[in-house]
Amino acid sequence: MRDMSDPAVHAEVKLGAQGRLVVPAPIRKALGFRPGETLVARIEGGHLVIEKPEAVERRLHAYFRKFEGRSLAEELIAERREEARREGAG
């Protein structure tokens, strides 16, 4: 798969009457997109990002790896208790 930051991989895309986009063949090939495949679309920084679910999963795993060994639920409960303590004292 080619890196999409490579300026050699670009194409003009037109939005169809029903809001459909067709991903041009060079971009589909570079990203390994296959017909019928489910993709994930999101808006990020004012840009449309379309990617494979596996890419989303890898990104989420990388993000949450920094929380390993911590209980986010326990941290949230402790924060709420502290807020309640401060409100009760005020």
PDB file of N, CA and C in Angstrom:
ATOM      1  N   MET A   1       0.830  -1.175   0.000  1.00  0.00           N
ATOM      2  CA  MET A   1       0.000   0.000   0.000  1.00  0.00           C
ATOM      3  C   MET A   1       0.875   1.239   0.000  1.00  0.00           C
ATOM      4  N   ARG A   2       0.509   2.196  -0.779  1.00  0.00           N
ATOM      5  CA  ARG A   2       1.248   3.440  -0.845  1.00  0.00           C
ATOM      6  C   ARG A   2       0.759   4.415   0.205  1.00  0.00           C
ATOM      7  N   ASP A   3       1.641   5.276   0.645  1.00  0.00           N
ATOM      8  CA  ASP A   3       1.291   6.314   1.618  1.00  0.00           C
ATOM      9  C   ASP A   3       0.566   7.431   0.889  1.00  0.00           C
ATOM     10  N   MET A   4      -0.639   7.807   1.409  1.00  0.00           N
ATOM     11  CA  MET A   4      -1.436   8.839   0.741  1.00  0.00           C
ATOM     12  C   MET A   4      -0.811  10.226   0.848  1.00  0.00           C
ATOM     13  N   SER A   5       0.237  10.395   1.660  1.00  0.00           N
ATOM     14  CA  SER A   5       0.906  11.682   1.701  1.00  0.00           C
ATOM     15  C   SER A   5       1.778  11.858   0.465  1.00  0.00           C
ATOM     16  N   ASP A   6       1.967  10.790  -0.317  1.00  0.00           N
ATOM     17  CA  ASP A   6       2.715  10.848  -1.571  1.00  0.00           C
ATOM     18  C   ASP A   6       1.943  11.723  -2.550  1.00  0.00           C
ATOM     19  N   PRO A   7       2.531  12.845  -2.988  1.00  0.00           N
ATOM     20  CA  PRO A   7       1.794  13.756  -3.870  1.00  0.00           C
ATOM     21  C   PRO A   7       1.451  13.151  -5.230  1.00  0.00           C
ATOM     22  N   ALA A   8       2.056  12.007  -5.575  1.00  0.00           N
ATOM     23  CA  ALA A   8       1.771  11.393  -6.867  1.00  0.00           C
ATOM     24  C   ALA A   8       0.389  10.734  -6.883  1.00  0.00           C
ATOM     25  N   VAL A   9      -0.194  10.507  -5.716  1.00  0.00           N
ATOM     26  CA  VAL A   9      -1.498   9.860  -5.654  1.00  0.00           C
ATOM     27  C   VAL A   9      -2.541  10.910  -5.288  1.00  0.00           C
ATOM     28  N   HIS A  10      -3.182  11.444  -6.314  1.00  0.00           N
ATOM     29  CA  HIS A  10      -4.254  12.405  -6.095  1.00  0.00           C
ATOM     30  C   HIS A  10      -5.200  12.346  -7.283  1.00  0.00           C
ATOM     31  N   ALA A  11      -6.418  12.752  -7.055  1.00  0.00           N
ATOM     32  CA  ALA A  11      -7.407  12.737  -8.131  1.00  0.00           C
ATOM     33  C   ALA A  11      -8.542  13.687  -7.774  1.00  0.00           C
ATOM     34  N   GLU A  12      -9.182  14.188  -8.784  1.00  0.00           N
ATOM     35  CA  GLU A  12     -10.362  15.022  -8.575  1.00  0.00           C
ATOM     36  C   GLU A  12     -11.564  14.116  -8.397  1.00  0.00           C
ATOM     37  N   VAL A  13     -12.418  14.474  -7.447  1.00  0.00           N
ATOM     38  CA  VAL A  13     -13.606  13.685  -7.153  1.00  0.00           C
ATOM     39  C   VAL A  13     -14.808  14.615  -7.199  1.00  0.00           C
ATOM     40  N   LYS A  14     -15.878  14.180  -7.865  1.00  0.00           N
ATOM     41  CA  LYS A  14     -17.102  14.973  -7.925  1.00  0.00           C
ATOM     42  C   LYS A  14     -18.184  14.309  -7.098  1.00  0.00           C
ATOM     43  N   LEU A  15     -18.932  15.142  -6.416  1.00  0.00           N
ATOM     44  CA  LEU A  15     -20.041  14.668  -5.614  1.00  0.00           C
ATOM     45  C   LEU A  15     -21.241  14.466  -6.522  1.00  0.00           C
ATOM     46  N   GLY A  16     -21.809  13.261  -6.514  1.00  0.00           N
ATOM     47  CA  GLY A  16     -22.952  12.945  -7.363  1.00  0.00           C
ATOM     48  C   GLY A  16     -24.236  13.584  -6.852  1.00  0.00           C
ATOM     49  N   ALA A  17     -25.270  13.520  -7.664  1.00  0.00           N
ATOM     50  CA  ALA A  17     -26.555  14.142  -7.347  1.00  0.00           C
ATOM     51  C   ALA A  17     -27.145  13.632  -6.039  1.00  0.00           C
ATOM     52  N   GLN A  18     -26.906  12.389  -5.698  1.00  0.00           N
ATOM     53  CA  GLN A  18     -27.448  11.821  -4.457  1.00  0.00           C
ATOM     54  C   GLN A  18     -26.414  11.813  -3.333  1.00  0.00           C
ATOM     55  N   GLY A  19     -25.378  12.630  -3.492  1.00  0.00           N
ATOM     56  CA  GLY A  19     -24.361  12.737  -2.447  1.00  0.00           C
ATOM     57  C   GLY A  19     -23.335  11.630  -2.459  1.00  0.00           C
ATOM     58  N   ARG A  20     -23.248  10.904  -3.550  1.00  0.00           N
ATOM     59  CA  ARG A  20     -22.306   9.786  -3.627  1.00  0.00           C
ATOM     60  C   ARG A  20     -20.959  10.241  -4.173  1.00  0.00           C
ATOM     61  N   LEU A  21     -19.915   9.655  -3.611  1.00  0.00           N
ATOM     62  CA  LEU A  21     -18.559   9.880  -4.104  1.00  0.00           C
ATOM     63  C   LEU A  21     -18.045   8.589  -4.706  1.00  0.00           C
ATOM     64  N   VAL A  22     -17.291   8.708  -5.763  1.00  0.00           N
ATOM     65  CA  VAL A  22     -16.615   7.546  -6.324  1.00  0.00           C
ATOM     66  C   VAL A  22     -15.131   7.742  -6.053  1.00  0.00           C
ATOM     67  N   VAL A  23     -14.534   6.782  -5.361  1.00  0.00           N
ATOM     68  CA  VAL A  23     -13.108   6.854  -5.077  1.00  0.00           C
ATOM     69  C   VAL A  23     -12.372   6.409  -6.343  1.00  0.00           C
ATOM     70  N   PRO A  24     -11.553   7.275  -6.926  1.00  0.00           N
ATOM     71  CA  PRO A  24     -10.849   6.936  -8.165  1.00  0.00           C
ATOM     72  C   PRO A  24      -9.951   5.708  -8.004  1.00  0.00           C
ATOM     73  N   ALA A  25      -9.818   4.959  -9.084  1.00  0.00           N
ATOM     74  CA  ALA A  25      -9.065   3.700  -9.078  1.00  0.00           C
ATOM     75  C   ALA A  25      -7.655   3.821  -8.510  1.00  0.00           C
ATOM     76  N   PRO A  26      -6.871   4.854  -8.863  1.00  0.00           N
ATOM     77  CA  PRO A  26      -5.509   4.919  -8.306  1.00  0.00           C
ATOM     78  C   PRO A  26      -5.503   5.021  -6.778  1.00  0.00           C
ATOM     79  N   ILE A  27      -6.486   5.726  -6.234  1.00  0.00           N
ATOM     80  CA  ILE A  27      -6.568   5.871  -4.780  1.00  0.00           C
ATOM     81  C   ILE A  27      -7.055   4.567  -4.154  1.00  0.00           C
ATOM     82  N   ARG A  28      -8.075   3.927  -4.775  1.00  0.00           N
ATOM     83  CA  ARG A  28      -8.540   2.622  -4.269  1.00  0.00           C
ATOM     84  C   ARG A  28      -7.398   1.625  -4.241  1.00  0.00           C
ATOM     85  N   LYS A  29      -6.629   1.614  -5.302  1.00  0.00           N
ATOM     86  CA  LYS A  29      -5.504   0.669  -5.396  1.00  0.00           C
ATOM     87  C   LYS A  29      -4.452   0.971  -4.338  1.00  0.00           C
ATOM     88  N   ALA A  30      -4.110   2.244  -4.175  1.00  0.00           N
ATOM     89  CA  ALA A  30      -3.089   2.634  -3.197  1.00  0.00           C
ATOM     90  C   ALA A  30      -3.501   2.275  -1.775  1.00  0.00           C
ATOM     91  N   LEU A  31      -4.799   2.365  -1.490  1.00  0.00           N
ATOM     92  CA  LEU A  31      -5.290   2.080  -0.142  1.00  0.00           C
ATOM     93  C   LEU A  31      -5.760   0.649   0.045  1.00  0.00           C
ATOM     94  N   GLY A  32      -5.804  -0.110  -1.032  1.00  0.00           N
ATOM     95  CA  GLY A  32      -6.246  -1.497  -0.935  1.00  0.00           C
ATOM     96  C   GLY A  32      -7.737  -1.633  -0.717  1.00  0.00           C
ATOM     97  N   PHE A  33      -8.513  -0.637  -1.151  1.00  0.00           N
ATOM     98  CA  PHE A  33      -9.972  -0.710  -1.041  1.00  0.00           C
ATOM     99  C   PHE A  33     -10.505  -1.689  -2.072  1.00  0.00           C
ATOM    100  N   ARG A  34     -11.455  -2.518  -1.673  1.00  0.00           N
ATOM    101  CA  ARG A  34     -12.050  -3.531  -2.553  1.00  0.00           C
ATOM    102  C   ARG A  34     -13.544  -3.257  -2.724  1.00  0.00           C
ATOM    103  N   PRO A  35     -14.121  -3.617  -3.871  1.00  0.00           N
ATOM    104  CA  PRO A  35     -15.565  -3.432  -4.076  1.00  0.00           C
ATOM    105  C   PRO A  35     -16.371  -4.151  -3.001  1.00  0.00           C
ATOM    106  N   GLY A  36     -17.393  -3.490  -2.491  1.00  0.00           N
ATOM    107  CA  GLY A  36     -18.266  -4.074  -1.484  1.00  0.00           C
ATOM    108  C   GLY A  36     -17.745  -3.979  -0.066  1.00  0.00           C
ATOM    109  N   GLU A  37     -16.522  -3.515   0.081  1.00  0.00           N
ATOM    110  CA  GLU A  37     -15.908  -3.404   1.402  1.00  0.00           C
ATOM    111  C   GLU A  37     -16.565  -2.269   2.200  1.00  0.00           C
ATOM    112  N   THR A  38     -16.742  -2.474   3.488  1.00  0.00           N
ATOM    113  CA  THR A  38     -17.276  -1.433   4.354  1.00  0.00           C
ATOM    114  C   THR A  38     -16.132  -0.552   4.815  1.00  0.00           C
ATOM    115  N   LEU A  39     -16.323   0.758   4.690  1.00  0.00           N
ATOM    116  CA  LEU A  39     -15.325   1.732   5.116  1.00  0.00           C
ATOM    117  C   LEU A  39     -15.934   2.633   6.185  1.00  0.00           C
ATOM    118  N   VAL A  40     -15.089   3.317   6.904  1.00  0.00           N
ATOM    119  CA  VAL A  40     -15.523   4.229   7.952  1.00  0.00           C
ATOM    120  C   VAL A  40     -15.198   5.650   7.503  1.00  0.00           C
ATOM    121  N   ALA A  41     -16.188   6.547   7.613  1.00  0.00           N
ATOM    122  CA  ALA A  41     -15.974   7.944   7.235  1.00  0.00           C
ATOM    123  C   ALA A  41     -16.174   8.822   8.458  1.00  0.00           C
ATOM    124  N   ARG A  42     -15.329   9.854   8.572  1.00  0.00           N
ATOM    125  CA  ARG A  42     -15.456  10.804   9.669  1.00  0.00           C
ATOM    126  C   ARG A  42     -14.935  12.157   9.204  1.00  0.00           C
ATOM    127  N   ILE A  43     -15.296  13.183   9.952  1.00  0.00           N
ATOM    128  CA  ILE A  43     -14.768  14.519   9.690  1.00  0.00           C
ATOM    129  C   ILE A  43     -13.679  14.773  10.714  1.00  0.00           C
ATOM    130  N   GLU A  44     -12.525  15.183  10.240  1.00  0.00           N
ATOM    131  CA  GLU A  44     -11.396  15.460  11.124  1.00  0.00           C
ATOM    132  C   GLU A  44     -10.730  16.751  10.664  1.00  0.00           C
ATOM    133  N   GLY A  45     -10.792  17.757  11.500  1.00  0.00           N
ATOM    134  CA  GLY A  45     -10.165  19.035  11.150  1.00  0.00           C
ATOM    135  C   GLY A  45     -10.712  19.634   9.870  1.00  0.00           C
ATOM    136  N   GLY A  46     -12.013  19.457   9.632  1.00  0.00           N
ATOM    137  CA  GLY A  46     -12.622  20.002   8.427  1.00  0.00           C
ATOM    138  C   GLY A  46     -12.371  19.188   7.168  1.00  0.00           C
ATOM    139  N   HIS A  47     -11.805  18.010   7.319  1.00  0.00           N
ATOM    140  CA  HIS A  47     -11.532  17.126   6.182  1.00  0.00           C
ATOM    141  C   HIS A  47     -12.344  15.844   6.297  1.00  0.00           C
ATOM    142  N   LEU A  48     -12.707  15.295   5.160  1.00  0.00           N
ATOM    143  CA  LEU A  48     -13.357  13.996   5.115  1.00  0.00           C
ATOM    144  C   LEU A  48     -12.271  12.932   5.118  1.00  0.00           C
ATOM    145  N   VAL A  49     -12.356  12.024   6.070  1.00  0.00           N
ATOM    146  CA  VAL A  49     -11.395  10.923   6.167  1.00  0.00           C
ATOM    147  C   VAL A  49     -12.173   9.629   5.966  1.00  0.00           C
ATOM    148  N   ILE A  50     -11.712   8.805   5.032  1.00  0.00           N
ATOM    149  CA  ILE A  50     -12.335   7.505   4.765  1.00  0.00           C
ATOM    150  C   ILE A  50     -11.256   6.449   4.943  1.00  0.00           C
ATOM    151  N   GLU A  51     -11.550   5.454   5.785  1.00  0.00           N
ATOM    152  CA  GLU A  51     -10.542   4.440   6.051  1.00  0.00           C
ATOM    153  C   GLU A  51     -11.177   3.093   6.350  1.00  0.00           C
ATOM    154  N   LYS A  52     -10.347   2.086   6.350  1.00  0.00           N
ATOM    155  CA  LYS A  52     -10.808   0.743   6.663  1.00  0.00           C
ATOM    156  C   LYS A  52     -11.033   0.617   8.164  1.00  0.00           C
ATOM    157  N   PRO A  53     -11.995  -0.222   8.565  1.00  0.00           N
ATOM    158  CA  PRO A  53     -12.225  -0.434   9.998  1.00  0.00           C
ATOM    159  C   PRO A  53     -10.965  -0.897  10.738  1.00  0.00           C
ATOM    160  N   GLU A  54     -10.111  -1.655  10.062  1.00  0.00           N
ATOM    161  CA  GLU A  54      -8.878  -2.133  10.697  1.00  0.00           C
ATOM    162  C   GLU A  54      -7.975  -0.963  11.077  1.00  0.00           C
ATOM    163  N   ALA A  55      -7.968   0.088  10.260  1.00  0.00           N
ATOM    164  CA  ALA A  55      -7.153   1.262  10.561  1.00  0.00           C
ATOM    165  C   ALA A  55      -7.692   1.981  11.793  1.00  0.00           C
ATOM    166  N   VAL A  56      -9.017   2.051  11.897  1.00  0.00           N
ATOM    167  CA  VAL A  56      -9.645   2.667  13.069  1.00  0.00           C
ATOM    168  C   VAL A  56      -9.273   1.868  14.312  1.00  0.00           C
ATOM    169  N   GLU A  57      -9.371   0.552  14.215  1.00  0.00           N
ATOM    170  CA  GLU A  57      -9.058  -0.320  15.339  1.00  0.00           C
ATOM    171  C   GLU A  57      -7.603  -0.153  15.783  1.00  0.00           C
ATOM    172  N   ARG A  58      -6.672  -0.101  14.826  1.00  0.00           N
ATOM    173  CA  ARG A  58      -5.251   0.081  15.169  1.00  0.00           C
ATOM    174  C   ARG A  58      -5.037   1.416  15.887  1.00  0.00           C
ATOM    175  N   ARG A  59      -5.681   2.466  15.381  1.00  0.00           N
ATOM    176  CA  ARG A  59      -5.532   3.796  15.982  1.00  0.00           C
ATOM    177  C   ARG A  59      -6.087   3.810  17.414  1.00  0.00           C
ATOM    178  N   LEU A  60      -7.252   3.180  17.624  1.00  0.00           N
ATOM    179  CA  LEU A  60      -7.847   3.138  18.956  1.00  0.00           C
ATOM    180  C   LEU A  60      -6.998   2.322  19.926  1.00  0.00           C
ATOM    181  N   HIS A  61      -6.471   1.199  19.454  1.00  0.00           N
ATOM    182  CA  HIS A  61      -5.601   0.391  20.307  1.00  0.00           C
ATOM    183  C   HIS A  61      -4.380   1.197  20.724  1.00  0.00           C
ATOM    184  N   ALA A  62      -3.787   1.924  19.788  1.00  0.00           N
ATOM    185  CA  ALA A  62      -2.614   2.740  20.093  1.00  0.00           C
ATOM    186  C   ALA A  62      -2.965   3.825  21.107  1.00  0.00           C
ATOM    187  N   TYR A  63      -4.126   4.448  20.940  1.00  0.00           N
ATOM    188  CA  TYR A  63      -4.550   5.507  21.853  1.00  0.00           C
ATOM    189  C   TYR A  63      -4.765   4.972  23.264  1.00  0.00           C
ATOM    190  N   PHE A  64      -5.491   3.866  23.397  1.00  0.00           N
ATOM    191  CA  PHE A  64      -5.836   3.346  24.706  1.00  0.00           C
ATOM    192  C   PHE A  64      -4.690   2.583  25.375  1.00  0.00           C
ATOM    193  N   ARG A  65      -3.645   2.278  24.635  1.00  0.00           N
ATOM    194  CA  ARG A  65      -2.492   1.588  25.208  1.00  0.00           C
ATOM    195  C   ARG A  65      -1.893   2.398  26.365  1.00  0.00           C
ATOM    196  N   LYS A  66      -1.979   3.731  26.271  1.00  0.00           N
ATOM    197  CA  LYS A  66      -1.397   4.570  27.321  1.00  0.00           C
ATOM    198  C   LYS A  66      -2.159   4.458  28.644  1.00  0.00           C
ATOM    199  N   PHE A  67      -3.348   3.871  28.618  1.00  0.00           N
ATOM    200  CA  PHE A  67      -4.144   3.712  29.832  1.00  0.00           C
ATOM    201  C   PHE A  67      -3.997   2.327  30.458  1.00  0.00           C
ATOM    202  N   GLU A  68      -3.150   1.479  29.895  1.00  0.00           N
ATOM    203  CA  GLU A  68      -2.984   0.133  30.429  1.00  0.00           C
ATOM    204  C   GLU A  68      -2.536   0.191  31.878  1.00  0.00           C
ATOM    205  N   GLY A  69      -3.114  -0.666  32.692  1.00  0.00           N
ATOM    206  CA  GLY A  69      -2.747  -0.720  34.097  1.00  0.00           C
ATOM    207  C   GLY A  69      -3.489   0.291  34.959  1.00  0.00           C
ATOM    208  N   ARG A  70      -4.332   1.105  34.335  1.00  0.00           N
ATOM    209  CA  ARG A  70      -5.118   2.095  35.074  1.00  0.00           C
ATOM    210  C   ARG A  70      -6.585   1.731  34.980  1.00  0.00           C
ATOM    211  N   SER A  71      -7.323   2.042  36.031  1.00  0.00           N
ATOM    212  CA  SER A  71      -8.759   1.849  35.990  1.00  0.00           C
ATOM    213  C   SER A  71      -9.405   3.217  35.787  1.00  0.00           C
ATOM    214  N   LEU A  72      -9.860   3.467  34.574  1.00  0.00           N
ATOM    215  CA  LEU A  72     -10.504   4.746  34.284  1.00  0.00           C
ATOM    216  C   LEU A  72     -11.787   4.898  35.068  1.00  0.00           C
ATOM    217  N   ALA A  73     -12.478   3.794  35.326  1.00  0.00           N
ATOM    218  CA  ALA A  73     -13.710   3.847  36.115  1.00  0.00           C
ATOM    219  C   ALA A  73     -13.394   4.301  37.538  1.00  0.00           C
ATOM    220  N   GLU A  74     -12.344   3.752  38.129  1.00  0.00           N
ATOM    221  CA  GLU A  74     -11.971   4.150  39.484  1.00  0.00           C
ATOM    222  C   GLU A  74     -11.543   5.612  39.533  1.00  0.00           C
ATOM    223  N   GLU A  75     -10.822   6.063  38.505  1.00  0.00           N
ATOM    224  CA  GLU A  75     -10.416   7.471  38.447  1.00  0.00           C
ATOM    225  C   GLU A  75     -11.632   8.387  38.345  1.00  0.00           C
ATOM    226  N   LEU A  76     -12.617   8.007  37.548  1.00  0.00           N
ATOM    227  CA  LEU A  76     -13.833   8.806  37.405  1.00  0.00           C
ATOM    228  C   LEU A  76     -14.605   8.858  38.730  1.00  0.00           C
ATOM    229  N   ILE A  77     -14.724   7.726  39.383  1.00  0.00           N
ATOM    230  CA  ILE A  77     -15.425   7.684  40.681  1.00  0.00           C
ATOM    231  C   ILE A  77     -14.703   8.583  41.684  1.00  0.00           C
ATOM    232  N   ALA A  78     -13.383   8.529  41.731  1.00  0.00           N
ATOM    233  CA  ALA A  78     -12.619   9.366  42.658  1.00  0.00           C
ATOM    234  C   ALA A  78     -12.831  10.851  42.353  1.00  0.00           C
ATOM    235  N   GLU A  79     -12.854  11.201  41.055  1.00  0.00           N
ATOM    236  CA  GLU A  79     -13.102  12.596  40.665  1.00  0.00           C
ATOM    237  C   GLU A  79     -14.484  13.046  41.120  1.00  0.00           C
ATOM    238  N   ARG A  80     -15.492  12.205  40.924  1.00  0.00           N
ATOM    239  CA  ARG A  80     -16.870  12.549  41.323  1.00  0.00           C
ATOM    240  C   ARG A  80     -16.985  12.710  42.836  1.00  0.00           C
ATOM    241  N   ARG A  81     -16.307  11.829  43.558  1.00  0.00           N
ATOM    242  CA  ARG A  81     -16.344  11.933  45.020  1.00  0.00           C
ATOM    243  C   ARG A  81     -15.697  13.239  45.485  1.00  0.00           C
ATOM    244  N   GLU A  82     -14.589  13.596  44.843  1.00  0.00           N
ATOM    245  CA  GLU A  82     -13.908  14.850  45.192  1.00  0.00           C
ATOM    246  C   GLU A  82     -14.799  16.048  44.879  1.00  0.00           C
ATOM    247  N   GLU A  83     -15.468  16.031  43.734  1.00  0.00           N
ATOM    248  CA  GLU A  83     -16.392  17.115  43.378  1.00  0.00           C
ATOM    249  C   GLU A  83     -17.515  17.202  44.389  1.00  0.00           C
ATOM    250  N   ALA A  84     -18.070  16.067  44.778  1.00  0.00           N
ATOM    251  CA  ALA A  84     -19.169  16.053  45.755  1.00  0.00           C
ATOM    252  C   ALA A  84     -18.674  16.572  47.112  1.00  0.00           C
ATOM    253  N   ARG A  85     -17.459  16.210  47.489  1.00  0.00           N
ATOM    254  CA  ARG A  85     -16.890  16.687  48.748  1.00  0.00           C
ATOM    255  C   ARG A  85     -16.738  18.202  48.723  1.00  0.00           C
ATOM    256  N   ARG A  86     -16.236  18.739  47.606  1.00  0.00           N
ATOM    257  CA  ARG A  86     -16.056  20.194  47.477  1.00  0.00           C
ATOM    258  C   ARG A  86     -17.398  20.913  47.498  1.00  0.00           C
ATOM    259  N   GLU A  87     -18.400  20.355  46.812  1.00  0.00           N
ATOM    260  CA  GLU A  87     -19.727  20.973  46.787  1.00  0.00           C
ATOM    261  C   GLU A  87     -20.365  20.958  48.163  1.00  0.00           C
ATOM    262  N   GLY A  88     -20.153  19.881  48.920  1.00  0.00           N
ATOM    263  CA  GLY A  88     -20.706  19.769  50.267  1.00  0.00           C
ATOM    264  C   GLY A  88     -20.037  20.721  51.243  1.00  0.00           C
ATOM    265  N   ALA A  89     -18.765  21.038  50.983  1.00  0.00           N
ATOM    266  CA  ALA A  89     -18.016  21.938  51.856  1.00  0.00           C
ATOM    267  C   ALA A  89     -18.295  23.394  51.528  1.00  0.00           C
ATOM    268  N   GLY A  90     -18.832  23.663  50.351  1.00  0.00           N
ATOM    269  CA  GLY A  90     -19.015  25.049  49.904  1.00  0.00           C
ATOM    270  C   GLY A  90     -20.323  25.552  50.216  1.00  0.00           C
TER     271      GLY A  90
END
